[in-house]
Amino acid sequence: MTGSIDVEDIADADAAAGPRDPDPRVPVLTALLAATPLPPAALEPEAVLDGFAAVMAARGPIVASLSAAPPAPRSADATALLAELRARERAWLSALDEAHRQVGAQLGGVRRARTYQRAG
């Protein structure tokens, strides 16, 4: 049939072309994912801040090792790793927001206590 694309022809052409170069992002994304655990379940501000500092310290050398090479088409493996990494980063941002809120509430309580002490 003229003008149609046969999926088997594409698969045969891919097989004849040999193995594809591995996506160079996969090892970097795997390392970043390993260096980015989920935040602690207990959202104690000190634990969140200490955990985030550890994540940033672990990720620093990995990010510093990245080259300025132009991006290549992303593989399915890299896409899956990137999605998980983004989910973990969103979880950290949420934990940091909650820690910020808690510290702000504690600071407000300290200020109110000082005001009451001065007034009394």
PDB file of N, CA and C in Angstrom:
ATOM      1  N   MET A   1       0.851  -1.171   0.000  1.00  0.00           N
ATOM      2  CA  MET A   1       0.000   0.000   0.000  1.00  0.00           C
ATOM      3  C   MET A   1       0.898   1.235   0.000  1.00  0.00           C
ATOM      4  N   THR A   2       0.692   2.135  -0.917  1.00  0.00           N
ATOM      5  CA  THR A   2       1.503   3.328  -1.055  1.00  0.00           C
ATOM      6  C   THR A   2       1.077   4.376  -0.029  1.00  0.00           C
ATOM      7  N   GLY A   3       2.080   5.052   0.568  1.00  0.00           N
ATOM      8  CA  GLY A   3       1.790   6.125   1.505  1.00  0.00           C
ATOM      9  C   GLY A   3       1.548   5.665   2.927  1.00  0.00           C
ATOM     10  N   SER A   4       1.559   4.358   3.181  1.00  0.00           N
ATOM     11  CA  SER A   4       1.342   3.902   4.554  1.00  0.00           C
ATOM     12  C   SER A   4       2.676   3.536   5.196  1.00  0.00           C
ATOM     13  N   ILE A   5       2.701   3.563   6.490  1.00  0.00           N
ATOM     14  CA  ILE A   5       3.905   3.224   7.237  1.00  0.00           C
ATOM     15  C   ILE A   5       3.649   1.913   7.953  1.00  0.00           C
ATOM     16  N   ASP A   6       4.528   0.959   7.740  1.00  0.00           N
ATOM     17  CA  ASP A   6       4.409  -0.344   8.377  1.00  0.00           C
ATOM     18  C   ASP A   6       5.264  -0.349   9.643  1.00  0.00           C
ATOM     19  N   VAL A   7       4.626  -0.603  10.771  1.00  0.00           N
ATOM     20  CA  VAL A   7       5.330  -0.604  12.048  1.00  0.00           C
ATOM     21  C   VAL A   7       6.438  -1.652  12.048  1.00  0.00           C
ATOM     22  N   GLU A   8       6.203  -2.782  11.414  1.00  0.00           N
ATOM     23  CA  GLU A   8       7.237  -3.824  11.364  1.00  0.00           C
ATOM     24  C   GLU A   8       8.456  -3.346  10.580  1.00  0.00           C
ATOM     25  N   ASP A   9       8.245  -2.559   9.520  1.00  0.00           N
ATOM     26  CA  ASP A   9       9.377  -2.015   8.768  1.00  0.00           C
ATOM     27  C   ASP A   9      10.213  -1.084   9.645  1.00  0.00           C
ATOM     28  N   ILE A  10       9.545  -0.284  10.474  1.00  0.00           N
ATOM     29  CA  ILE A  10      10.263   0.620  11.373  1.00  0.00           C
ATOM     30  C   ILE A  10      11.061  -0.185  12.388  1.00  0.00           C
ATOM     31  N   ALA A  11      10.445  -1.219  12.962  1.00  0.00           N
ATOM     32  CA  ALA A  11      11.142  -2.058  13.939  1.00  0.00           C
ATOM     33  C   ALA A  11      12.331  -2.748  13.292  1.00  0.00           C
ATOM     34  N   ASP A  12      12.159  -3.231  12.045  1.00  0.00           N
ATOM     35  CA  ASP A  12      13.270  -3.879  11.342  1.00  0.00           C
ATOM     36  C   ASP A  12      14.397  -2.883  11.080  1.00  0.00           C
ATOM     37  N   ALA A  13      14.051  -1.663  10.703  1.00  0.00           N
ATOM     38  CA  ALA A  13      15.067  -0.642  10.445  1.00  0.00           C
ATOM     39  C   ALA A  13      15.801  -0.292  11.729  1.00  0.00           C
ATOM     40  N   ASP A  14      15.076  -0.200  12.838  1.00  0.00           N
ATOM     41  CA  ASP A  14      15.717   0.075  14.126  1.00  0.00           C
ATOM     42  C   ASP A  14      16.671  -1.050  14.509  1.00  0.00           C
ATOM     43  N   ALA A  15      16.252  -2.288  14.297  1.00  0.00           N
ATOM     44  CA  ALA A  15      17.103  -3.428  14.636  1.00  0.00           C
ATOM     45  C   ALA A  15      18.338  -3.461  13.748  1.00  0.00           C
ATOM     46  N   ALA A  16      18.172  -3.125  12.475  1.00  0.00           N
ATOM     47  CA  ALA A  16      19.305  -3.130  11.547  1.00  0.00           C
ATOM     48  C   ALA A  16      20.297  -2.018  11.878  1.00  0.00           C
ATOM     49  N   ALA A  17      19.812  -0.932  12.451  1.00  0.00           N
ATOM     50  CA  ALA A  17      20.687   0.191  12.782  1.00  0.00           C
ATOM     51  C   ALA A  17      21.596  -0.139  13.964  1.00  0.00           C
ATOM     52  N   GLY A  18      21.276  -1.196  14.696  1.00  0.00           N
ATOM     53  CA  GLY A  18      22.105  -1.587  15.838  1.00  0.00           C
ATOM     54  C   GLY A  18      21.674  -0.865  17.097  1.00  0.00           C
ATOM     55  N   PRO A  19      22.396  -1.112  18.177  1.00  0.00           N
ATOM     56  CA  PRO A  19      22.007  -0.485  19.443  1.00  0.00           C
ATOM     57  C   PRO A  19      22.199   1.026  19.392  1.00  0.00           C
ATOM     58  N   ARG A  20      21.296   1.717  20.028  1.00  0.00           N
ATOM     59  CA  ARG A  20      21.386   3.176  20.075  1.00  0.00           C
ATOM     60  C   ARG A  20      22.342   3.592  21.175  1.00  0.00           C
ATOM     61  N   ASP A  21      22.894   4.774  21.005  1.00  0.00           N
ATOM     62  CA  ASP A  21      23.742   5.312  22.062  1.00  0.00           C
ATOM     63  C   ASP A  21      22.884   5.504  23.305  1.00  0.00           C
ATOM     64  N   PRO A  22      23.419   5.144  24.457  1.00  0.00           N
ATOM     65  CA  PRO A  22      22.633   5.364  25.673  1.00  0.00           C
ATOM     66  C   PRO A  22      22.462   6.858  25.928  1.00  0.00           C
ATOM     67  N   ASP A  23      21.364   7.191  26.541  1.00  0.00           N
ATOM     68  CA  ASP A  23      21.089   8.590  26.870  1.00  0.00           C
ATOM     69  C   ASP A  23      22.078   9.024  27.945  1.00  0.00           C
ATOM     70  N   PRO A  24      22.907  10.026  27.677  1.00  0.00           N
ATOM     71  CA  PRO A  24      23.917  10.439  28.659  1.00  0.00           C
ATOM     72  C   PRO A  24      23.315  11.066  29.914  1.00  0.00           C
ATOM     73  N   ARG A  25      22.040  11.407  29.854  1.00  0.00           N
ATOM     74  CA  ARG A  25      21.392  12.004  31.029  1.00  0.00           C
ATOM     75  C   ARG A  25      21.019  10.984  32.083  1.00  0.00           C
ATOM     76  N   VAL A  26      20.841   9.719  31.676  1.00  0.00           N
ATOM     77  CA  VAL A  26      20.370   8.705  32.622  1.00  0.00           C
ATOM     78  C   VAL A  26      21.298   8.562  33.825  1.00  0.00           C
ATOM     79  N   PRO A  27      22.624   8.435  33.657  1.00  0.00           N
ATOM     80  CA  PRO A  27      23.476   8.322  34.849  1.00  0.00           C
ATOM     81  C   PRO A  27      23.426   9.571  35.740  1.00  0.00           C
ATOM     82  N   VAL A  28      23.350  10.740  35.130  1.00  0.00           N
ATOM     83  CA  VAL A  28      23.295  11.983  35.912  1.00  0.00           C
ATOM     84  C   VAL A  28      21.976  12.062  36.676  1.00  0.00           C
ATOM     85  N   LEU A  29      20.873  11.766  36.000  1.00  0.00           N
ATOM     86  CA  LEU A  29      19.573  11.803  36.665  1.00  0.00           C
ATOM     87  C   LEU A  29      19.480  10.739  37.755  1.00  0.00           C
ATOM     88  N   THR A  30      20.068   9.567  37.505  1.00  0.00           N
ATOM     89  CA  THR A  30      20.084   8.512  38.520  1.00  0.00           C
ATOM     90  C   THR A  30      20.855   8.972  39.748  1.00  0.00           C
ATOM     91  N   ALA A  31      21.990   9.620  39.536  1.00  0.00           N
ATOM     92  CA  ALA A  31      22.786  10.132  40.660  1.00  0.00           C
ATOM     93  C   ALA A  31      22.032  11.232  41.407  1.00  0.00           C
ATOM     94  N   LEU A  32      21.378  12.129  40.671  1.00  0.00           N
ATOM     95  CA  LEU A  32      20.596  13.187  41.319  1.00  0.00           C
ATOM     96  C   LEU A  32      19.437  12.606  42.124  1.00  0.00           C
ATOM     97  N   LEU A  33      18.792  11.584  41.566  1.00  0.00           N
ATOM     98  CA  LEU A  33      17.685  10.947  42.268  1.00  0.00           C
ATOM     99  C   LEU A  33      18.176  10.272  43.548  1.00  0.00           C
ATOM    100  N   ALA A  34      19.328   9.614  43.474  1.00  0.00           N
ATOM    101  CA  ALA A  34      19.896   8.970  44.664  1.00  0.00           C
ATOM    102  C   ALA A  34      20.268  10.005  45.722  1.00  0.00           C
ATOM    103  N   ALA A  35      20.655  11.181  45.296  1.00  0.00           N
ATOM    104  CA  ALA A  35      21.049  12.248  46.225  1.00  0.00           C
ATOM    105  C   ALA A  35      19.855  13.057  46.731  1.00  0.00           C
ATOM    106  N   THR A  36      18.657  12.726  46.248  1.00  0.00           N
ATOM    107  CA  THR A  36      17.462  13.489  46.610  1.00  0.00           C
ATOM    108  C   THR A  36      16.404  12.562  47.207  1.00  0.00           C
ATOM    109  N   PRO A  37      16.589  12.143  48.457  1.00  0.00           N
ATOM    110  CA  PRO A  37      15.536  11.331  49.081  1.00  0.00           C
ATOM    111  C   PRO A  37      14.316  12.205  49.349  1.00  0.00           C
ATOM    112  N   LEU A  38      13.222  11.569  49.676  1.00  0.00           N
ATOM    113  CA  LEU A  38      12.040  12.335  50.061  1.00  0.00           C
ATOM    114  C   LEU A  38      12.310  13.037  51.388  1.00  0.00           C
ATOM    115  N   PRO A  39      11.622  14.141  51.646  1.00  0.00           N
ATOM    116  CA  PRO A  39      11.835  14.843  52.917  1.00  0.00           C
ATOM    117  C   PRO A  39      11.359  13.986  54.089  1.00  0.00           C
ATOM    118  N   PRO A  40      11.803  14.327  55.305  1.00  0.00           N
ATOM    119  CA  PRO A  40      11.376  13.547  56.466  1.00  0.00           C
ATOM    120  C   PRO A  40       9.862  13.619  56.642  1.00  0.00           C
ATOM    121  N   ALA A  41       9.297  12.520  57.137  1.00  0.00           N
ATOM    122  CA  ALA A  41       7.842  12.466  57.319  1.00  0.00           C
ATOM    123  C   ALA A  41       7.385  13.466  58.378  1.00  0.00           C
ATOM    124  N   ALA A  42       8.151  13.576  59.453  1.00  0.00           N
ATOM    125  CA  ALA A  42       7.827  14.557  60.491  1.00  0.00           C
ATOM    126  C   ALA A  42       8.369  15.903  60.039  1.00  0.00           C
ATOM    127  N   LEU A  43       7.485  16.845  59.878  1.00  0.00           N
ATOM    128  CA  LEU A  43       7.895  18.136  59.322  1.00  0.00           C
ATOM    129  C   LEU A  43       8.395  19.090  60.402  1.00  0.00           C
ATOM    130  N   GLU A  44       9.318  18.616  61.212  1.00  0.00           N
ATOM    131  CA  GLU A  44       9.974  19.490  62.185  1.00  0.00           C
ATOM    132  C   GLU A  44      10.883  20.428  61.402  1.00  0.00           C
ATOM    133  N   PRO A  45      10.778  21.736  61.600  1.00  0.00           N
ATOM    134  CA  PRO A  45      11.578  22.675  60.803  1.00  0.00           C
ATOM    135  C   PRO A  45      13.073  22.360  60.807  1.00  0.00           C
ATOM    136  N   GLU A  46      13.627  22.023  61.960  1.00  0.00           N
ATOM    137  CA  GLU A  46      15.069  21.756  62.025  1.00  0.00           C
ATOM    138  C   GLU A  46      15.445  20.528  61.195  1.00  0.00           C
ATOM    139  N   ALA A  47      14.619  19.472  61.272  1.00  0.00           N
ATOM    140  CA  ALA A  47      14.899  18.258  60.500  1.00  0.00           C
ATOM    141  C   ALA A  47      14.784  18.525  59.001  1.00  0.00           C
ATOM    142  N   VAL A  48      13.783  19.325  58.613  1.00  0.00           N
ATOM    143  CA  VAL A  48      13.600  19.651  57.193  1.00  0.00           C
ATOM    144  C   VAL A  48      14.786  20.466  56.683  1.00  0.00           C
ATOM    145  N   LEU A  49      15.189  21.473  57.440  1.00  0.00           N
ATOM    146  CA  LEU A  49      16.311  22.315  57.000  1.00  0.00           C
ATOM    147  C   LEU A  49      17.614  21.526  56.962  1.00  0.00           C
ATOM    148  N   ASP A  50      17.858  20.689  57.979  1.00  0.00           N
ATOM    149  CA  ASP A  50      19.073  19.864  57.977  1.00  0.00           C
ATOM    150  C   ASP A  50      19.062  18.883  56.809  1.00  0.00           C
ATOM    151  N   GLY A  51      17.903  18.267  56.565  1.00  0.00           N
ATOM    152  CA  GLY A  51      17.789  17.323  55.454  1.00  0.00           C
ATOM    153  C   GLY A  51      17.994  17.993  54.109  1.00  0.00           C
ATOM    154  N   PHE A  52      17.413  19.181  53.953  1.00  0.00           N
ATOM    155  CA  PHE A  52      17.563  19.896  52.687  1.00  0.00           C
ATOM    156  C   PHE A  52      19.013  20.320  52.469  1.00  0.00           C
ATOM    157  N   ALA A  53      19.674  20.747  53.534  1.00  0.00           N
ATOM    158  CA  ALA A  53      21.096  21.113  53.418  1.00  0.00           C
ATOM    159  C   ALA A  53      21.919  19.907  52.984  1.00  0.00           C
ATOM    160  N   ALA A  54      21.595  18.727  53.509  1.00  0.00           N
ATOM    161  CA  ALA A  54      22.315  17.507  53.118  1.00  0.00           C
ATOM    162  C   ALA A  54      22.055  17.169  51.649  1.00  0.00           C
ATOM    163  N   VAL A  55      20.810  17.339  51.208  1.00  0.00           N
ATOM    164  CA  VAL A  55      20.470  17.080  49.800  1.00  0.00           C
ATOM    165  C   VAL A  55      21.247  18.025  48.892  1.00  0.00           C
ATOM    166  N   MET A  56      21.259  19.295  49.231  1.00  0.00           N
ATOM    167  CA  MET A  56      21.967  20.268  48.395  1.00  0.00           C
ATOM    168  C   MET A  56      23.465  19.985  48.367  1.00  0.00           C
ATOM    169  N   ALA A  57      24.030  19.579  49.497  1.00  0.00           N
ATOM    170  CA  ALA A  57      25.460  19.251  49.538  1.00  0.00           C
ATOM    171  C   ALA A  57      25.757  18.027  48.678  1.00  0.00           C
ATOM    172  N   ALA A  58      24.878  17.038  48.702  1.00  0.00           N
ATOM    173  CA  ALA A  58      25.088  15.828  47.904  1.00  0.00           C
ATOM    174  C   ALA A  58      24.898  16.099  46.414  1.00  0.00           C
ATOM    175  N   ARG A  59      23.974  16.984  46.076  1.00  0.00           N
ATOM    176  CA  ARG A  59      23.700  17.279  44.666  1.00  0.00           C
ATOM    177  C   ARG A  59      24.708  18.239  44.054  1.00  0.00           C
ATOM    178  N   GLY A  60      25.366  19.045  44.876  1.00  0.00           N
ATOM    179  CA  GLY A  60      26.290  20.056  44.368  1.00  0.00           C
ATOM    180  C   GLY A  60      27.336  19.527  43.408  1.00  0.00           C
ATOM    181  N   PRO A  61      28.102  18.495  43.786  1.00  0.00           N
ATOM    182  CA  PRO A  61      29.124  17.982  42.866  1.00  0.00           C
ATOM    183  C   PRO A  61      28.534  17.397  41.583  1.00  0.00           C
ATOM    184  N   ILE A  62      27.345  16.819  41.686  1.00  0.00           N
ATOM    185  CA  ILE A  62      26.710  16.236  40.494  1.00  0.00           C
ATOM    186  C   ILE A  62      26.346  17.348  39.518  1.00  0.00           C
ATOM    187  N   VAL A  63      25.729  18.390  40.028  1.00  0.00           N
ATOM    188  CA  VAL A  63      25.339  19.524  39.178  1.00  0.00           C
ATOM    189  C   VAL A  63      26.578  20.204  38.607  1.00  0.00           C
ATOM    190  N   ALA A  64      27.630  20.329  39.423  1.00  0.00           N
ATOM    191  CA  ALA A  64      28.864  20.975  38.961  1.00  0.00           C
ATOM    192  C   ALA A  64      29.534  20.190  37.838  1.00  0.00           C
ATOM    193  N   SER A  65      29.283  18.876  37.791  1.00  0.00           N
ATOM    194  CA  SER A  65      29.927  18.048  36.768  1.00  0.00           C
ATOM    195  C   SER A  65      29.225  18.109  35.415  1.00  0.00           C
ATOM    196  N   LEU A  66      28.063  18.727  35.377  1.00  0.00           N
ATOM    197  CA  LEU A  66      27.314  18.778  34.118  1.00  0.00           C
ATOM    198  C   LEU A  66      28.043  19.637  33.096  1.00  0.00           C
ATOM    199  N   SER A  67      28.036  19.182  31.874  1.00  0.00           N
ATOM    200  CA  SER A  67      28.664  19.971  30.812  1.00  0.00           C
ATOM    201  C   SER A  67      27.602  20.844  30.153  1.00  0.00           C
ATOM    202  N   ALA A  68      28.044  21.767  29.361  1.00  0.00           N
ATOM    203  CA  ALA A  68      27.126  22.670  28.662  1.00  0.00           C
ATOM    204  C   ALA A  68      26.788  22.134  27.282  1.00  0.00           C
ATOM    205  N   ALA A  69      26.779  20.817  27.135  1.00  0.00           N
ATOM    206  CA  ALA A  69      26.461  20.207  25.842  1.00  0.00           C
ATOM    207  C   ALA A  69      25.001  20.485  25.494  1.00  0.00           C
ATOM    208  N   PRO A  70      24.718  20.669  24.212  1.00  0.00           N
ATOM    209  CA  PRO A  70      23.329  20.902  23.822  1.00  0.00           C
ATOM    210  C   PRO A  70      22.485  19.668  24.137  1.00  0.00           C
ATOM    211  N   PRO A  71      21.247  19.865  24.534  1.00  0.00           N
ATOM    212  CA  PRO A  71      20.406  18.726  24.887  1.00  0.00           C
ATOM    213  C   PRO A  71      20.097  17.861  23.676  1.00  0.00           C
ATOM    214  N   ALA A  72      20.027  16.574  23.919  1.00  0.00           N
ATOM    215  CA  ALA A  72      19.663  15.611  22.883  1.00  0.00           C
ATOM    216  C   ALA A  72      18.235  15.155  23.160  1.00  0.00           C
ATOM    217  N   PRO A  73      17.617  14.481  22.200  1.00  0.00           N
ATOM    218  CA  PRO A  73      16.274  13.957  22.469  1.00  0.00           C
ATOM    219  C   PRO A  73      16.310  13.075  23.719  1.00  0.00           C
ATOM    220  N   ARG A  74      15.303  13.195  24.546  1.00  0.00           N
ATOM    221  CA  ARG A  74      15.274  12.491  25.826  1.00  0.00           C
ATOM    222  C   ARG A  74      14.734  11.078  25.656  1.00  0.00           C
ATOM    223  N   SER A  75      15.374  10.127  26.324  1.00  0.00           N
ATOM    224  CA  SER A  75      14.918   8.745  26.284  1.00  0.00           C
ATOM    225  C   SER A  75      13.778   8.549  27.280  1.00  0.00           C
ATOM    226  N   ALA A  76      13.080   7.424  27.149  1.00  0.00           N
ATOM    227  CA  ALA A  76      11.996   7.110  28.081  1.00  0.00           C
ATOM    228  C   ALA A  76      12.542   6.947  29.493  1.00  0.00           C
ATOM    229  N   ASP A  77      13.733   6.351  29.621  1.00  0.00           N
ATOM    230  CA  ASP A  77      14.342   6.187  30.945  1.00  0.00           C
ATOM    231  C   ASP A  77      14.615   7.545  31.581  1.00  0.00           C
ATOM    232  N   ALA A  78      15.189   8.462  30.814  1.00  0.00           N
ATOM    233  CA  ALA A  78      15.492   9.794  31.340  1.00  0.00           C
ATOM    234  C   ALA A  78      14.210  10.529  31.708  1.00  0.00           C
ATOM    235  N   THR A  79      13.168  10.372  30.912  1.00  0.00           N
ATOM    236  CA  THR A  79      11.891  11.026  31.192  1.00  0.00           C
ATOM    237  C   THR A  79      11.307  10.530  32.506  1.00  0.00           C
ATOM    238  N   ALA A  80      11.364   9.222  32.742  1.00  0.00           N
ATOM    239  CA  ALA A  80      10.837   8.651  33.987  1.00  0.00           C
ATOM    240  C   ALA A  80      11.647   9.126  35.191  1.00  0.00           C
ATOM    241  N   LEU A  81      12.969   9.137  35.060  1.00  0.00           N
ATOM    242  CA  LEU A  81      13.821   9.602  36.158  1.00  0.00           C
ATOM    243  C   LEU A  81      13.572  11.079  36.453  1.00  0.00           C
ATOM    244  N   LEU A  82      13.430  11.866  35.406  1.00  0.00           N
ATOM    245  CA  LEU A  82      13.183  13.296  35.573  1.00  0.00           C
ATOM    246  C   LEU A  82      11.837  13.548  36.251  1.00  0.00           C
ATOM    247  N   ALA A  83      10.829  12.765  35.902  1.00  0.00           N
ATOM    248  CA  ALA A  83       9.515  12.915  36.538  1.00  0.00           C
ATOM    249  C   ALA A  83       9.604  12.612  38.034  1.00  0.00           C
ATOM    250  N   GLU A  84      10.323  11.551  38.405  1.00  0.00           N
ATOM    251  CA  GLU A  84      10.484  11.215  39.823  1.00  0.00           C
ATOM    252  C   GLU A  84      11.294  12.284  40.544  1.00  0.00           C
ATOM    253  N   LEU A  85      12.340  12.788  39.895  1.00  0.00           N
ATOM    254  CA  LEU A  85      13.157  13.839  40.499  1.00  0.00           C
ATOM    255  C   LEU A  85      12.321  15.099  40.732  1.00  0.00           C
ATOM    256  N   ARG A  86      11.500  15.462  39.764  1.00  0.00           N
ATOM    257  CA  ARG A  86      10.626  16.636  39.918  1.00  0.00           C
ATOM    258  C   ARG A  86       9.631  16.436  41.058  1.00  0.00           C
ATOM    259  N   ALA A  87       9.095  15.219  41.187  1.00  0.00           N
ATOM    260  CA  ALA A  87       8.154  14.934  42.280  1.00  0.00           C
ATOM    261  C   ALA A  87       8.844  15.091  43.634  1.00  0.00           C
ATOM    262  N   ARG A  88      10.077  14.608  43.739  1.00  0.00           N
ATOM    263  CA  ARG A  88      10.805  14.745  45.002  1.00  0.00           C
ATOM    264  C   ARG A  88      11.134  16.204  45.292  1.00  0.00           C
ATOM    265  N   GLU A  89      11.484  16.954  44.262  1.00  0.00           N
ATOM    266  CA  GLU A  89      11.768  18.378  44.465  1.00  0.00           C
ATOM    267  C   GLU A  89      10.516  19.121  44.919  1.00  0.00           C
ATOM    268  N   ARG A  90       9.352  18.765  44.347  1.00  0.00           N
ATOM    269  CA  ARG A  90       8.100  19.387  44.794  1.00  0.00           C
ATOM    270  C   ARG A  90       7.814  19.031  46.254  1.00  0.00           C
ATOM    271  N   ALA A  91       8.108  17.781  46.644  1.00  0.00           N
ATOM    272  CA  ALA A  91       7.900  17.372  48.037  1.00  0.00           C
ATOM    273  C   ALA A  91       8.799  18.180  48.972  1.00  0.00           C
ATOM    274  N   TRP A  92      10.060  18.408  48.555  1.00  0.00           N
ATOM    275  CA  TRP A  92      10.965  19.219  49.379  1.00  0.00           C
ATOM    276  C   TRP A  92      10.474  20.657  49.477  1.00  0.00           C
ATOM    277  N   LEU A  93      10.019  21.221  48.376  1.00  0.00           N
ATOM    278  CA  LEU A  93       9.509  22.599  48.415  1.00  0.00           C
ATOM    279  C   LEU A  93       8.298  22.709  49.335  1.00  0.00           C
ATOM    280  N   SER A  94       7.431  21.715  49.295  1.00  0.00           N
ATOM    281  CA  SER A  94       6.272  21.703  50.177  1.00  0.00           C
ATOM    282  C   SER A  94       6.707  21.603  51.640  1.00  0.00           C
ATOM    283  N   ALA A  95       7.682  20.729  51.922  1.00  0.00           N
ATOM    284  CA  ALA A  95       8.188  20.586  53.293  1.00  0.00           C
ATOM    285  C   ALA A  95       8.852  21.875  53.763  1.00  0.00           C
ATOM    286  N   LEU A  96       9.603  22.514  52.886  1.00  0.00           N
ATOM    287  CA  LEU A  96      10.244  23.781  53.246  1.00  0.00           C
ATOM    288  C   LEU A  96       9.208  24.876  53.493  1.00  0.00           C
ATOM    289  N   ASP A  97       8.152  24.905  52.690  1.00  0.00           N
ATOM    290  CA  ASP A  97       7.074  25.880  52.915  1.00  0.00           C
ATOM    291  C   ASP A  97       6.425  25.661  54.280  1.00  0.00           C
ATOM    292  N   GLU A  98       6.176  24.396  54.630  1.00  0.00           N
ATOM    293  CA  GLU A  98       5.565  24.090  55.920  1.00  0.00           C
ATOM    294  C   GLU A  98       6.504  24.464  57.061  1.00  0.00           C
ATOM    295  N   ALA A  99       7.794  24.182  56.906  1.00  0.00           N
ATOM    296  CA  ALA A  99       8.769  24.559  57.936  1.00  0.00           C
ATOM    297  C   ALA A  99       8.802  26.079  58.098  1.00  0.00           C
ATOM    298  N   HIS A 100       8.747  26.795  56.997  1.00  0.00           N
ATOM    299  CA  HIS A 100       8.720  28.262  57.036  1.00  0.00           C
ATOM    300  C   HIS A 100       7.490  28.757  57.789  1.00  0.00           C
ATOM    301  N   ARG A 101       6.354  28.144  57.514  1.00  0.00           N
ATOM    302  CA  ARG A 101       5.115  28.525  58.192  1.00  0.00           C
ATOM    303  C   ARG A 101       5.227  28.260  59.694  1.00  0.00           C
ATOM    304  N   GLN A 102       5.776  27.091  60.057  1.00  0.00           N
ATOM    305  CA  GLN A 102       5.910  26.751  61.478  1.00  0.00           C
ATOM    306  C   GLN A 102       6.854  27.712  62.200  1.00  0.00           C
ATOM    307  N   VAL A 103       7.969  28.022  61.573  1.00  0.00           N
ATOM    308  CA  VAL A 103       8.922  28.949  62.195  1.00  0.00           C
ATOM    309  C   VAL A 103       8.282  30.327  62.345  1.00  0.00           C
ATOM    310  N   GLY A 104       7.538  30.755  61.346  1.00  0.00           N
ATOM    311  CA  GLY A 104       6.840  32.039  61.431  1.00  0.00           C
ATOM    312  C   GLY A 104       5.835  32.052  62.571  1.00  0.00           C
ATOM    313  N   ALA A 105       5.099  30.957  62.733  1.00  0.00           N
ATOM    314  CA  ALA A 105       4.128  30.874  63.829  1.00  0.00           C
ATOM    315  C   ALA A 105       4.834  30.897  65.178  1.00  0.00           C
ATOM    316  N   GLN A 106       5.960  30.183  65.274  1.00  0.00           N
ATOM    317  CA  GLN A 106       6.723  30.183  66.529  1.00  0.00           C
ATOM    318  C   GLN A 106       7.264  31.576  66.839  1.00  0.00           C
ATOM    319  N   LEU A 107       7.758  32.245  65.826  1.00  0.00           N
ATOM    320  CA  LEU A 107       8.280  33.599  66.012  1.00  0.00           C
ATOM    321  C   LEU A 107       7.168  34.545  66.463  1.00  0.00           C
ATOM    322  N   GLY A 108       5.998  34.394  65.875  1.00  0.00           N
ATOM    323  CA  GLY A 108       4.855  35.209  66.294  1.00  0.00           C
ATOM    324  C   GLY A 108       4.501  34.957  67.752  1.00  0.00           C
ATOM    325  N   GLY A 109       4.577  33.700  68.174  1.00  0.00           N
ATOM    326  CA  GLY A 109       4.308  33.366  69.569  1.00  0.00           C
ATOM    327  C   GLY A 109       5.327  33.985  70.513  1.00  0.00           C
ATOM    328  N   VAL A 110       6.588  33.969  70.117  1.00  0.00           N
ATOM    329  CA  VAL A 110       7.646  34.580  70.934  1.00  0.00           C
ATOM    330  C   VAL A 110       7.408  36.080  71.048  1.00  0.00           C
ATOM    331  N   ARG A 111       7.051  36.711  69.956  1.00  0.00           N
ATOM    332  CA  ARG A 111       6.802  38.163  69.982  1.00  0.00           C
ATOM    333  C   ARG A 111       5.628  38.502  70.903  1.00  0.00           C
ATOM    334  N   ARG A 112       4.566  37.692  70.813  1.00  0.00           N
ATOM    335  CA  ARG A 112       3.403  37.939  71.679  1.00  0.00           C
ATOM    336  C   ARG A 112       3.783  37.758  73.148  1.00  0.00           C
ATOM    337  N   ALA A 113       4.575  36.731  73.441  1.00  0.00           N
ATOM    338  CA  ALA A 113       4.995  36.492  74.828  1.00  0.00           C
ATOM    339  C   ALA A 113       5.823  37.663  75.351  1.00  0.00           C
ATOM    340  N   ARG A 114       6.700  38.185  74.521  1.00  0.00           N
ATOM    341  CA  ARG A 114       7.507  39.340  74.940  1.00  0.00           C
ATOM    342  C   ARG A 114       6.628  40.562  75.193  1.00  0.00           C
ATOM    343  N   THR A 115       5.645  40.750  74.340  1.00  0.00           N
ATOM    344  CA  THR A 115       4.728  41.882  74.506  1.00  0.00           C
ATOM    345  C   THR A 115       3.967  41.757  75.821  1.00  0.00           C
ATOM    346  N   TYR A 116       3.497  40.541  76.139  1.00  0.00           N
ATOM    347  CA  TYR A 116       2.767  40.326  77.394  1.00  0.00           C
ATOM    348  C   TYR A 116       3.677  40.538  78.596  1.00  0.00           C
ATOM    349  N   GLN A 117       4.941  40.103  78.477  1.00  0.00           N
ATOM    350  CA  GLN A 117       5.888  40.274  79.586  1.00  0.00           C
ATOM    351  C   GLN A 117       6.137  41.757  79.851  1.00  0.00           C
ATOM    352  N   ARG A 118       6.283  42.519  78.796  1.00  0.00           N
ATOM    353  CA  ARG A 118       6.543  43.958  78.940  1.00  0.00           C
ATOM    354  C   ARG A 118       5.326  44.678  79.517  1.00  0.00           C
ATOM    355  N   ALA A 119       4.147  44.238  79.107  1.00  0.00           N
ATOM    356  CA  ALA A 119       2.917  44.883  79.567  1.00  0.00           C
ATOM    357  C   ALA A 119       2.618  44.520  81.023  1.00  0.00           C
ATOM    358  N   GLY A 120       3.048  43.352  81.442  1.00  0.00           N
ATOM    359  CA  GLY A 120       2.705  42.879  82.786  1.00  0.00           C
ATOM    360  C   GLY A 120       3.614  43.312  83.815  1.00  0.00           C
TER     361      GLY A 120
END
